[in-house]
PDB file of all heavy atoms in Angstrom:
ATOM      1  N   GLY A   1      77.863 104.898  76.082  1.00  0.00           N
ATOM      2  CA  GLY A   1      77.903 103.602  76.778  1.00  0.00           C
ATOM      3  C   GLY A   1      79.289 102.983  76.760  1.00  0.00           C
ATOM      4  O   GLY A   1      79.710 102.410  77.779  1.00  0.00           O
ATOM      5  N   LEU A   2      79.976 103.091  75.616  1.00  0.00           N
ATOM      6  CA  LEU A   2      81.345 102.585  75.544  1.00  0.00           C
ATOM      7  C   LEU A   2      82.261 103.327  76.523  1.00  0.00           C
ATOM      8  O   LEU A   2      83.113 102.734  77.141  1.00  0.00           O
ATOM      9  CB  LEU A   2      81.881 102.665  74.119  1.00  0.00           C
ATOM     10  CG  LEU A   2      81.238 101.733  73.100  1.00  0.00           C
ATOM     11  CD1 LEU A   2      81.771 101.997  71.708  1.00  0.00           C
ATOM     12  CD2 LEU A   2      81.504 100.262  73.464  1.00  0.00           C
ATOM     13  N   GLY A   3      82.040 104.638  76.605  1.00  0.00           N
ATOM     14  CA  GLY A   3      82.883 105.416  77.535  1.00  0.00           C
ATOM     15  C   GLY A   3      82.629 105.025  78.968  1.00  0.00           C
ATOM     16  O   GLY A   3      83.567 104.918  79.760  1.00  0.00           O
ATOM     17  N   THR A   4      81.354 104.740  79.272  1.00  0.00           N
ATOM     18  CA  THR A   4      81.020 104.278  80.651  1.00  0.00           C
ATOM     19  C   THR A   4      81.663 102.945  80.942  1.00  0.00           C
ATOM     20  O   THR A   4      82.217 102.703  82.032  1.00  0.00           O
ATOM     21  CB  THR A   4      79.498 104.206  80.814  1.00  0.00           C
ATOM     22  OG1 THR A   4      78.936 105.502  80.576  1.00  0.00           O
ATOM     23  CG2 THR A   4      79.154 103.751  82.223  1.00  0.00           C
ATOM     24  N   LEU A   5      81.566 102.027  79.979  1.00  0.00           N
ATOM     25  CA  LEU A   5      82.210 100.695  80.134  1.00  0.00           C
ATOM     26  C   LEU A   5      83.697 100.830  80.308  1.00  0.00           C
ATOM     27  O   LEU A   5      84.296 100.156  81.145  1.00  0.00           O
ATOM     28  CB  LEU A   5      81.847  99.827  78.935  1.00  0.00           C
ATOM     29  CG  LEU A   5      82.493  98.423  78.890  1.00  0.00           C
ATOM     30  CD1 LEU A   5      82.026  97.617  80.089  1.00  0.00           C
ATOM     31  CD2 LEU A   5      82.189  97.723  77.586  1.00  0.00           C
ATOM     32  N   ASP A   6      84.293 101.705  79.518  1.00  0.00           N
ATOM     33  CA  ASP A   6      85.753 101.942  79.606  1.00  0.00           C
ATOM     34  C   ASP A   6      86.125 102.412  81.006  1.00  0.00           C
ATOM     35  O   ASP A   6      87.095 101.942  81.613  1.00  0.00           O
ATOM     36  CB  ASP A   6      86.146 102.968  78.555  1.00  0.00           C
ATOM     37  CG  ASP A   6      87.636 102.886  78.211  1.00  0.00           C
ATOM     38  OD1 ASP A   6      88.254 101.865  78.517  1.00  0.00           O
ATOM     39  OD2 ASP A   6      88.138 103.844  77.597  1.00  0.00           O
ATOM     40  N   ALA A   7      85.331 103.376  81.535  1.00  0.00           N
ATOM     41  CA  ALA A   7      85.634 103.892  82.869  1.00  0.00           C
ATOM     42  C   ALA A   7      85.418 102.846  83.947  1.00  0.00           C
ATOM     43  O   ALA A   7      86.229 102.748  84.890  1.00  0.00           O
ATOM     44  CB  ALA A   7      84.717 105.089  83.173  1.00  0.00           C
ATOM     45  N   GLU A   8      84.427 101.984  83.794  1.00  0.00           N
ATOM     46  CA  GLU A   8      84.206 100.958  84.756  1.00  0.00           C
ATOM     47  C   GLU A   8      85.321  99.909  84.744  1.00  0.00           C
ATOM     48  O   GLU A   8      85.741  99.403  85.805  1.00  0.00           O
ATOM     49  CB  GLU A   8      82.845 100.256  84.506  1.00  0.00           C
ATOM     50  CG  GLU A   8      81.648 101.169  84.786  1.00  0.00           C
ATOM     51  CD  GLU A   8      80.348 100.473  84.443  1.00  0.00           C
ATOM     52  OE1 GLU A   8      80.401  99.389  83.823  1.00  0.00           O
ATOM     53  OE2 GLU A   8      79.258 101.036  84.771  1.00  0.00           O
ATOM     54  N   LEU A   9      85.801  99.564  83.539  1.00  0.00           N
ATOM     55  CA  LEU A   9      86.941  98.653  83.455  1.00  0.00           C
ATOM     56  C   LEU A   9      88.168  99.235  84.117  1.00  0.00           C
ATOM     57  O   LEU A   9      88.937  98.524  84.777  1.00  0.00           O
ATOM     58  CB  LEU A   9      87.235  98.303  81.979  1.00  0.00           C
ATOM     59  CG  LEU A   9      86.225  97.402  81.257  1.00  0.00           C
ATOM     60  CD1 LEU A   9      86.616  97.269  79.787  1.00  0.00           C
ATOM     61  CD2 LEU A   9      86.258  96.014  81.918  1.00  0.00           C
ATOM     62  N   PHE A  10      88.378 100.531  83.901  1.00  0.00           N
ATOM     63  CA  PHE A  10      89.508 101.186  84.533  1.00  0.00           C
ATOM     64  C   PHE A  10      89.399 101.113  86.030  1.00  0.00           C
ATOM     65  O   PHE A  10      90.385 100.805  86.723  1.00  0.00           O
ATOM     66  CB  PHE A  10      89.554 102.658  84.063  1.00  0.00           C
ATOM     67  CG  PHE A  10      90.583 103.468  84.837  1.00  0.00           C
ATOM     68  CD1 PHE A  10      91.925 103.404  84.545  1.00  0.00           C
ATOM     69  CD2 PHE A  10      90.182 104.270  85.897  1.00  0.00           C
ATOM     70  CE1 PHE A  10      92.853 104.132  85.273  1.00  0.00           C
ATOM     71  CE2 PHE A  10      91.089 104.994  86.642  1.00  0.00           C
ATOM     72  CZ  PHE A  10      92.445 104.933  86.316  1.00  0.00           C
ATOM     73  N   GLU A  11      88.231 101.390  86.578  1.00  0.00           N
ATOM     74  CA  GLU A  11      88.038 101.337  88.047  1.00  0.00           C
ATOM     75  C   GLU A  11      88.269  99.948  88.584  1.00  0.00           C
ATOM     76  O   GLU A  11      88.848  99.756  89.639  1.00  0.00           O
ATOM     77  CB  GLU A  11      86.652 101.849  88.402  1.00  0.00           C
ATOM     78  CG  GLU A  11      86.426 103.331  88.192  1.00  0.00           C
ATOM     79  CD  GLU A  11      87.299 104.167  89.100  1.00  0.00           C
ATOM     80  OE1 GLU A  11      87.614 103.702  90.232  1.00  0.00           O
ATOM     81  OE2 GLU A  11      87.703 105.255  88.704  1.00  0.00           O
ATOM     82  N   THR A  12      87.810  98.937  87.820  1.00  0.00           N
ATOM     83  CA  THR A  12      87.985  97.556  88.255  1.00  0.00           C
ATOM     84  C   THR A  12      89.473  97.186  88.376  1.00  0.00           C
ATOM     85  O   THR A  12      89.904  96.576  89.380  1.00  0.00           O
ATOM     86  CB  THR A  12      87.302  96.596  87.287  1.00  0.00           C
ATOM     87  OG1 THR A  12      85.879  96.918  87.231  1.00  0.00           O
ATOM     88  CG2 THR A  12      87.474  95.146  87.716  1.00  0.00           C
ATOM     89  N   ILE A  13      90.224  97.577  87.358  1.00  0.00           N
ATOM     90  CA  ILE A  13      91.679  97.261  87.382  1.00  0.00           C
ATOM     91  C   ILE A  13      92.379  98.100  88.416  1.00  0.00           C
ATOM     92  O   ILE A  13      93.260  97.636  89.157  1.00  0.00           O
ATOM     93  CB  ILE A  13      92.268  97.514  85.984  1.00  0.00           C
ATOM     94  CG1 ILE A  13      91.653  96.556  84.954  1.00  0.00           C
ATOM     95  CG2 ILE A  13      93.802  97.326  86.017  1.00  0.00           C
ATOM     96  CD1 ILE A  13      92.089  96.830  83.526  1.00  0.00           C
ATOM     97  N   ALA A  14      92.024  99.390  88.507  1.00  0.00           N
ATOM     98  CA  ALA A  14      92.702 100.279  89.454  1.00  0.00           C
ATOM     99  C   ALA A  14      92.482  99.868  90.909  1.00  0.00           C
ATOM    100  O   ALA A  14      93.400  99.944  91.709  1.00  0.00           O
ATOM    101  CB  ALA A  14      92.197 101.702  89.210  1.00  0.00           C
ATOM    102  N   ARG A  15      91.244  99.440  91.192  1.00  0.00           N
ATOM    103  CA  ARG A  15      90.926  99.096  92.617  1.00  0.00           C
ATOM    104  C   ARG A  15      91.382  97.699  93.010  1.00  0.00           C
ATOM    105  O   ARG A  15      91.308  97.336  94.159  1.00  0.00           O
ATOM    106  CB  ARG A  15      89.433  99.216  92.826  1.00  0.00           C
ATOM    107  CG  ARG A  15      88.897 100.631  92.728  1.00  0.00           C
ATOM    108  CD  ARG A  15      87.389 100.629  92.904  1.00  0.00           C
ATOM    109  NE  ARG A  15      86.846 101.974  92.743  1.00  0.00           N
ATOM    110  CZ  ARG A  15      86.792 102.899  93.725  1.00  0.00           C
ATOM    111  NH1 ARG A  15      87.272 102.573  94.931  1.00  0.00           N
ATOM    112  NH2 ARG A  15      86.308 104.086  93.512  1.00  0.00           N
ATOM    113  N   SER A  16      91.793  96.861  92.035  1.00  0.00           N
ATOM    114  CA  SER A  16      92.163  95.481  92.307  1.00  0.00           C
ATOM    115  C   SER A  16      93.340  95.459  93.317  1.00  0.00           C
ATOM    116  O   SER A  16      94.336  96.158  93.167  1.00  0.00           O
ATOM    117  CB  SER A  16      92.528  94.752  91.015  1.00  0.00           C
ATOM    118  OG  SER A  16      93.649  95.366  90.410  1.00  0.00           O
ATOM    119  N   GLN A  17      93.222  94.635  94.306  1.00  0.00           N
ATOM    120  CA  GLN A  17      94.247  94.488  95.311  1.00  0.00           C
ATOM    121  C   GLN A  17      95.126  93.276  94.909  1.00  0.00           C
ATOM    122  O   GLN A  17      94.730  92.131  95.054  1.00  0.00           O
ATOM    123  CB  GLN A  17      93.596  94.231  96.696  1.00  0.00           C
ATOM    124  CG  GLN A  17      92.713  95.369  97.176  1.00  0.00           C
ATOM    125  CD  GLN A  17      93.523  96.644  97.383  1.00  0.00           C
ATOM    126  OE1 GLN A  17      94.662  96.620  97.833  1.00  0.00           O
ATOM    127  NE2 GLN A  17      92.905  97.781  97.009  1.00  0.00           N
ATOM    128  N   SER A  18      96.289  93.601  94.378  1.00  0.00           N
ATOM    129  CA  SER A  18      97.168  92.548  93.895  1.00  0.00           C
ATOM    130  C   SER A  18      98.601  92.928  94.200  1.00  0.00           C
ATOM    131  O   SER A  18      99.129  93.903  93.596  1.00  0.00           O
ATOM    132  CB  SER A  18      96.969  92.330  92.384  1.00  0.00           C
ATOM    133  OG  SER A  18      97.984  91.462  91.842  1.00  0.00           O
ATOM    134  N   PRO A  19      99.304  92.208  95.063  1.00  0.00           N
ATOM    135  CA  PRO A  19     100.704  92.506  95.311  1.00  0.00           C
ATOM    136  C   PRO A  19     101.562  92.402  94.061  1.00  0.00           C
ATOM    137  O   PRO A  19     102.530  93.141  93.899  1.00  0.00           O
ATOM    138  CB  PRO A  19     101.090  91.438  96.360  1.00  0.00           C
ATOM    139  CG  PRO A  19      99.797  91.056  97.005  1.00  0.00           C
ATOM    140  CD  PRO A  19      98.761  91.146  95.952  1.00  0.00           C
ATOM    141  N   ALA A  20     101.188  91.476  93.136  1.00  0.00           N
ATOM    142  CA  ALA A  20     101.956  91.343  91.901  1.00  0.00           C
ATOM    143  C   ALA A  20     101.873  92.590  91.044  1.00  0.00           C
ATOM    144  O   ALA A  20     102.847  93.060  90.484  1.00  0.00           O
ATOM    145  CB  ALA A  20     101.470  90.119  91.140  1.00  0.00           C
ATOM    146  N   LEU A  21     100.632  93.146  90.929  1.00  0.00           N
ATOM    147  CA  LEU A  21     100.486  94.365  90.163  1.00  0.00           C
ATOM    148  C   LEU A  21     101.220  95.506  90.865  1.00  0.00           C
ATOM    149  O   LEU A  21     101.890  96.319  90.174  1.00  0.00           O
ATOM    150  CB  LEU A  21      99.016  94.723  90.018  1.00  0.00           C
ATOM    151  CG  LEU A  21      98.161  93.834  89.121  1.00  0.00           C
ATOM    152  CD1 LEU A  21      96.720  94.317  89.088  1.00  0.00           C
ATOM    153  CD2 LEU A  21      98.750  93.791  87.690  1.00  0.00           C
ATOM    154  N   ASP A  22     101.118  95.596  92.172  1.00  0.00           N
ATOM    155  CA  ASP A  22     101.798  96.677  92.908  1.00  0.00           C
ATOM    156  C   ASP A  22     103.306  96.627  92.691  1.00  0.00           C
ATOM    157  O   ASP A  22     103.937  97.702  92.609  1.00  0.00           O
ATOM    158  CB  ASP A  22     101.468  96.609  94.381  1.00  0.00           C
ATOM    159  CG  ASP A  22      99.962  96.787  94.667  1.00  0.00           C
ATOM    160  OD1 ASP A  22      99.294  97.343  93.778  1.00  0.00           O
ATOM    161  OD2 ASP A  22      99.494  96.416  95.754  1.00  0.00           O
ATOM    162  N   ALA A  23     103.869  95.458  92.617  1.00  0.00           N
ATOM    163  CA  ALA A  23     105.332  95.336  92.532  1.00  0.00           C
ATOM    164  C   ALA A  23     105.861  95.500  91.134  1.00  0.00           C
ATOM    165  O   ALA A  23     107.019  95.938  90.953  1.00  0.00           O
ATOM    166  CB  ALA A  23     105.782  93.963  93.093  1.00  0.00           C
ATOM    167  N   SER A  24     105.059  95.178  90.114  1.00  0.00           N
ATOM    168  CA  SER A  24     105.614  95.090  88.749  1.00  0.00           C
ATOM    169  C   SER A  24     105.117  96.165  87.801  1.00  0.00           C
ATOM    170  O   SER A  24     105.884  96.566  86.884  1.00  0.00           O
ATOM    171  CB  SER A  24     105.268  93.738  88.131  1.00  0.00           C
ATOM    172  OG  SER A  24     103.851  93.593  88.031  1.00  0.00           O
ATOM    173  N   MET A  25     103.917  96.699  88.015  1.00  0.00           N
ATOM    174  CA  MET A  25     103.357  97.603  87.001  1.00  0.00           C
ATOM    175  C   MET A  25     104.102  98.926  86.900  1.00  0.00           C
ATOM    176  O   MET A  25     104.370  99.399  85.791  1.00  0.00           O
ATOM    177  CB  MET A  25     101.859  97.829  87.277  1.00  0.00           C
ATOM    178  CG  MET A  25     100.994  96.600  87.046  1.00  0.00           C
ATOM    179  SD  MET A  25     100.926  96.048  85.289  1.00  0.00           S
ATOM    180  CE  MET A  25     102.180  94.729  85.276  1.00  0.00           C
ATOM    181  N   ARG A  26     104.408  99.561  87.987  1.00  0.00           N
ATOM    182  CA  ARG A  26     105.050 100.853  87.905  1.00  0.00           C
ATOM    183  C   ARG A  26     106.480 100.736  87.326  1.00  0.00           C
ATOM    184  O   ARG A  26     106.828 101.511  86.440  1.00  0.00           O
ATOM    185  CB  ARG A  26     105.102 101.529  89.290  1.00  0.00           C
ATOM    186  CG  ARG A  26     105.618 102.968  89.190  1.00  0.00           C
ATOM    187  CD  ARG A  26     105.268 103.782  90.425  1.00  0.00           C
ATOM    188  NE  ARG A  26     105.938 103.326  91.618  1.00  0.00           N
ATOM    189  CZ  ARG A  26     105.800 103.847  92.803  1.00  0.00           C
ATOM    190  NH1 ARG A  26     104.981 104.897  92.965  1.00  0.00           N
ATOM    191  NH2 ARG A  26     106.479 103.389  93.862  1.00  0.00           N
ATOM    192  N   PRO A  27     107.297  99.768  87.744  1.00  0.00           N
ATOM    193  CA  PRO A  27     108.636  99.637  87.084  1.00  0.00           C
ATOM    194  C   PRO A  27     108.536  99.337  85.604  1.00  0.00           C
ATOM    195  O   PRO A  27     109.323  99.833  84.801  1.00  0.00           O
ATOM    196  CB  PRO A  27     109.288  98.490  87.857  1.00  0.00           C
ATOM    197  CG  PRO A  27     108.592  98.474  89.184  1.00  0.00           C
ATOM    198  CD  PRO A  27     107.170  98.870  88.912  1.00  0.00           C
ATOM    199  N   LEU A  28     107.576  98.480  85.229  1.00  0.00           N
ATOM    200  CA  LEU A  28     107.422  98.141  83.822  1.00  0.00           C
ATOM    201  C   LEU A  28     107.014  99.362  83.003  1.00  0.00           C
ATOM    202  O   LEU A  28     107.523  99.579  81.890  1.00  0.00           O
ATOM    203  CB  LEU A  28     106.420  96.985  83.644  1.00  0.00           C
ATOM    204  CG  LEU A  28     106.179  96.513  82.221  1.00  0.00           C
ATOM    205  CD1 LEU A  28     107.468  96.031  81.586  1.00  0.00           C
ATOM    206  CD2 LEU A  28     105.130  95.401  82.201  1.00  0.00           C
ATOM    207  N   SER A  29     106.090 100.116  83.522  1.00  0.00           N
ATOM    208  CA  SER A  29     105.613 101.312  82.829  1.00  0.00           C
ATOM    209  C   SER A  29     106.734 102.326  82.661  1.00  0.00           C
ATOM    210  O   SER A  29     106.937 102.929  81.604  1.00  0.00           O
ATOM    211  CB  SER A  29     104.437 101.956  83.577  1.00  0.00           C
ATOM    212  OG  SER A  29     103.944 103.066  82.903  1.00  0.00           O
ATOM    213  N   ARG A  30     107.553 102.500  83.704  1.00  0.00           N
ATOM    214  CA  ARG A  30     108.666 103.415  83.628  1.00  0.00           C
ATOM    215  C   ARG A  30     109.727 102.920  82.657  1.00  0.00           C
ATOM    216  O   ARG A  30     110.380 103.699  81.943  1.00  0.00           O
ATOM    217  CB  ARG A  30     109.274 103.644  85.009  1.00  0.00           C
ATOM    218  CG  ARG A  30     108.345 104.411  85.976  1.00  0.00           C
ATOM    219  CD  ARG A  30     109.072 104.629  87.290  1.00  0.00           C
ATOM    220  NE  ARG A  30     110.236 105.469  87.171  1.00  0.00           N
ATOM    221  CZ  ARG A  30     111.087 105.756  88.165  1.00  0.00           C
ATOM    222  NH1 ARG A  30     110.869 105.247  89.349  1.00  0.00           N
ATOM    223  NH2 ARG A  30     112.119 106.556  87.926  1.00  0.00           N
ATOM    224  N   ALA A  31     109.937 101.586  82.599  1.00  0.00           N
ATOM    225  CA  ALA A  31     110.911 101.043  81.659  1.00  0.00           C
ATOM    226  C   ALA A  31     110.538 101.318  80.224  1.00  0.00           C
ATOM    227  O   ALA A  31     111.412 101.461  79.362  1.00  0.00           O
ATOM    228  CB  ALA A  31     111.081  99.552  81.897  1.00  0.00           C
ATOM    229  N   ALA A  32     109.212 101.383  79.958  1.00  0.00           N
ATOM    230  CA  ALA A  32     108.783 101.635  78.589  1.00  0.00           C
ATOM    231  C   ALA A  32     108.732 103.113  78.242  1.00  0.00           C
ATOM    232  O   ALA A  32     108.456 103.459  77.075  1.00  0.00           O
ATOM    233  CB  ALA A  32     107.378 101.025  78.389  1.00  0.00           C
ATOM    234  N   ASP A  33     109.020 104.012  79.185  1.00  0.00           N
ATOM    235  CA  ASP A  33     109.050 105.453  78.881  1.00  0.00           C
ATOM    236  C   ASP A  33     110.097 105.710  77.815  1.00  0.00           C
ATOM    237  O   ASP A  33     111.224 105.215  77.909  1.00  0.00           O
ATOM    238  CB  ASP A  33     109.408 106.247  80.138  1.00  0.00           C
ATOM    239  CG  ASP A  33     108.233 106.320  81.116  1.00  0.00           C
ATOM    240  OD1 ASP A  33     107.096 105.998  80.708  1.00  0.00           O
ATOM    241  OD2 ASP A  33     108.462 106.713  82.281  1.00  0.00           O
ATOM    242  N   HIS A  34     109.733 106.527  76.853  1.00  0.00           N
ATOM    243  CA  HIS A  34     110.660 106.884  75.750  1.00  0.00           C
ATOM    244  C   HIS A  34     111.226 105.672  75.021  1.00  0.00           C
ATOM    245  O   HIS A  34     112.338 105.705  74.489  1.00  0.00           O
ATOM    246  CB  HIS A  34     111.806 107.769  76.247  1.00  0.00           C
ATOM    247  CG  HIS A  34     111.336 108.977  77.011  1.00  0.00           C
ATOM    248  ND1 HIS A  34     110.605 110.002  76.435  1.00  0.00           N
ATOM    249  CD2 HIS A  34     111.463 109.269  78.336  1.00  0.00           C
ATOM    250  CE1 HIS A  34     110.349 110.899  77.386  1.00  0.00           C
ATOM    251  NE2 HIS A  34     110.818 110.500  78.541  1.00  0.00           N
ATOM    252  N   SER A  35     110.469 104.567  75.097  1.00  0.00           N
ATOM    253  CA  SER A  35     110.844 103.312  74.377  1.00  0.00           C
ATOM    254  C   SER A  35     112.162 102.746  74.868  1.00  0.00           C
ATOM    255  O   SER A  35     112.816 101.980  74.129  1.00  0.00           O
ATOM    256  CB  SER A  35     110.882 103.547  72.856  1.00  0.00           C
ATOM    257  OG  SER A  35     109.638 103.953  72.381  1.00  0.00           O
ATOM    258  N   LYS A  36     112.571 103.045  76.084  1.00  0.00           N
ATOM    259  CA  LYS A  36     113.860 102.534  76.604  1.00  0.00           C
ATOM    260  C   LYS A  36     113.865 101.010  76.618  1.00  0.00           C
ATOM    261  O   LYS A  36     114.883 100.383  76.318  1.00  0.00           O
ATOM    262  CB  LYS A  36     114.126 103.070  78.015  1.00  0.00           C
ATOM    263  CG  LYS A  36     114.340 104.578  78.076  1.00  0.00           C
ATOM    264  CD  LYS A  36     114.873 105.007  79.422  1.00  0.00           C
ATOM    265  CE  LYS A  36     113.915 104.684  80.558  1.00  0.00           C
ATOM    266  NZ  LYS A  36     112.713 105.524  80.566  1.00  0.00           N
ATOM    267  N   LEU A  37     112.764 100.381  77.001  1.00  0.00           N
ATOM    268  CA  LEU A  37     112.685  98.914  77.080  1.00  0.00           C
ATOM    269  C   LEU A  37     112.928  98.316  75.687  1.00  0.00           C
ATOM    270  O   LEU A  37     113.733  97.363  75.558  1.00  0.00           O
ATOM    271  CB  LEU A  37     111.335  98.527  77.598  1.00  0.00           C
ATOM    272  CG  LEU A  37     111.004  97.002  77.633  1.00  0.00           C
ATOM    273  CD1 LEU A  37     111.954  96.289  78.522  1.00  0.00           C
ATOM    274  CD2 LEU A  37     109.565  96.774  78.011  1.00  0.00           C
ATOM    275  N   TRP A  38     112.307  98.858  74.675  1.00  0.00           N
ATOM    276  CA  TRP A  38     112.430  98.284  73.322  1.00  0.00           C
ATOM    277  C   TRP A  38     113.795  98.567  72.725  1.00  0.00           C
ATOM    278  O   TRP A  38     114.338  97.712  71.988  1.00  0.00           O
ATOM    279  CB  TRP A  38     111.302  98.826  72.431  1.00  0.00           C
ATOM    280  CG  TRP A  38     109.972  98.778  73.108  1.00  0.00           C
ATOM    281  CD1 TRP A  38     109.158  99.807  73.428  1.00  0.00           C
ATOM    282  CD2 TRP A  38     109.292  97.574  73.592  1.00  0.00           C
ATOM    283  NE1 TRP A  38     108.026  99.370  74.067  1.00  0.00           N
ATOM    284  CE2 TRP A  38     108.085  98.010  74.173  1.00  0.00           C
ATOM    285  CE3 TRP A  38     109.617  96.226  73.579  1.00  0.00           C
ATOM    286  CZ2 TRP A  38     107.179  97.116  74.745  1.00  0.00           C
ATOM    287  CZ3 TRP A  38     108.719  95.344  74.151  1.00  0.00           C
ATOM    288  CH2 TRP A  38     107.517  95.787  74.727  1.00  0.00           C
ATOM    289  N   LEU A  39     114.350  99.699  73.030  1.00  0.00           N
ATOM    290  CA  LEU A  39     115.701 100.012  72.548  1.00  0.00           C
ATOM    291  C   LEU A  39     116.724  99.042  73.141  1.00  0.00           C
ATOM    292  O   LEU A  39     117.647  98.593  72.466  1.00  0.00           O
ATOM    293  CB  LEU A  39     116.059 101.453  72.851  1.00  0.00           C
ATOM    294  CG  LEU A  39     115.285 102.537  72.125  1.00  0.00           C
ATOM    295  CD1 LEU A  39     115.612 103.922  72.690  1.00  0.00           C
ATOM    296  CD2 LEU A  39     115.604 102.498  70.641  1.00  0.00           C
ATOM    297  N   ALA A  40     116.558  98.729  74.436  1.00  0.00           N
ATOM    298  CA  ALA A  40     117.478  97.802  75.069  1.00  0.00           C
ATOM    299  C   ALA A  40     117.351  96.412  74.476  1.00  0.00           C
ATOM    300  O   ALA A  40     118.360  95.712  74.233  1.00  0.00           O
ATOM    301  CB  ALA A  40     117.202  97.733  76.560  1.00  0.00           C
ATOM    302  N   ILE A  41     116.127  95.966  74.215  1.00  0.00           N
ATOM    303  CA  ILE A  41     115.926  94.628  73.644  1.00  0.00           C
ATOM    304  C   ILE A  41     116.500  94.619  72.208  1.00  0.00           C
ATOM    305  O   ILE A  41     117.183  93.614  71.801  1.00  0.00           O
ATOM    306  CB  ILE A  41     114.418  94.290  73.585  1.00  0.00           C
ATOM    307  CG1 ILE A  41     113.908  94.084  75.038  1.00  0.00           C
ATOM    308  CG2 ILE A  41     114.164  93.015  72.784  1.00  0.00           C
ATOM    309  CD1 ILE A  41     112.426  93.871  75.132  1.00  0.00           C
ATOM    310  N   ALA A  42     116.304  95.652  71.459  1.00  0.00           N
ATOM    311  CA  ALA A  42     116.807  95.719  70.074  1.00  0.00           C
ATOM    312  C   ALA A  42     118.346  95.682  70.099  1.00  0.00           C
ATOM    313  O   ALA A  42     118.972  95.048  69.236  1.00  0.00           O
ATOM    314  CB  ALA A  42     116.323  96.988  69.386  1.00  0.00           C
ATOM    315  N   ALA A  43     118.982  96.363  71.050  1.00  0.00           N
ATOM    316  CA  ALA A  43     120.438  96.336  71.163  1.00  0.00           C
ATOM    317  C   ALA A  43     120.915  94.925  71.437  1.00  0.00           C
ATOM    318  O   ALA A  43     121.930  94.464  70.839  1.00  0.00           O
ATOM    319  CB  ALA A  43     120.880  97.301  72.257  1.00  0.00           C
TER     320      ALA A  43
END
């Protein structure tokens, strides 16, 4: 049941039509690759 709920929450977020999500989520996710975002903030 928890797995089903998890999948449904994923589908809800994935299908959401939001220009803000479209513009910000992919760059933010890529910035956090290999902890680059946190290393820059620490510096």
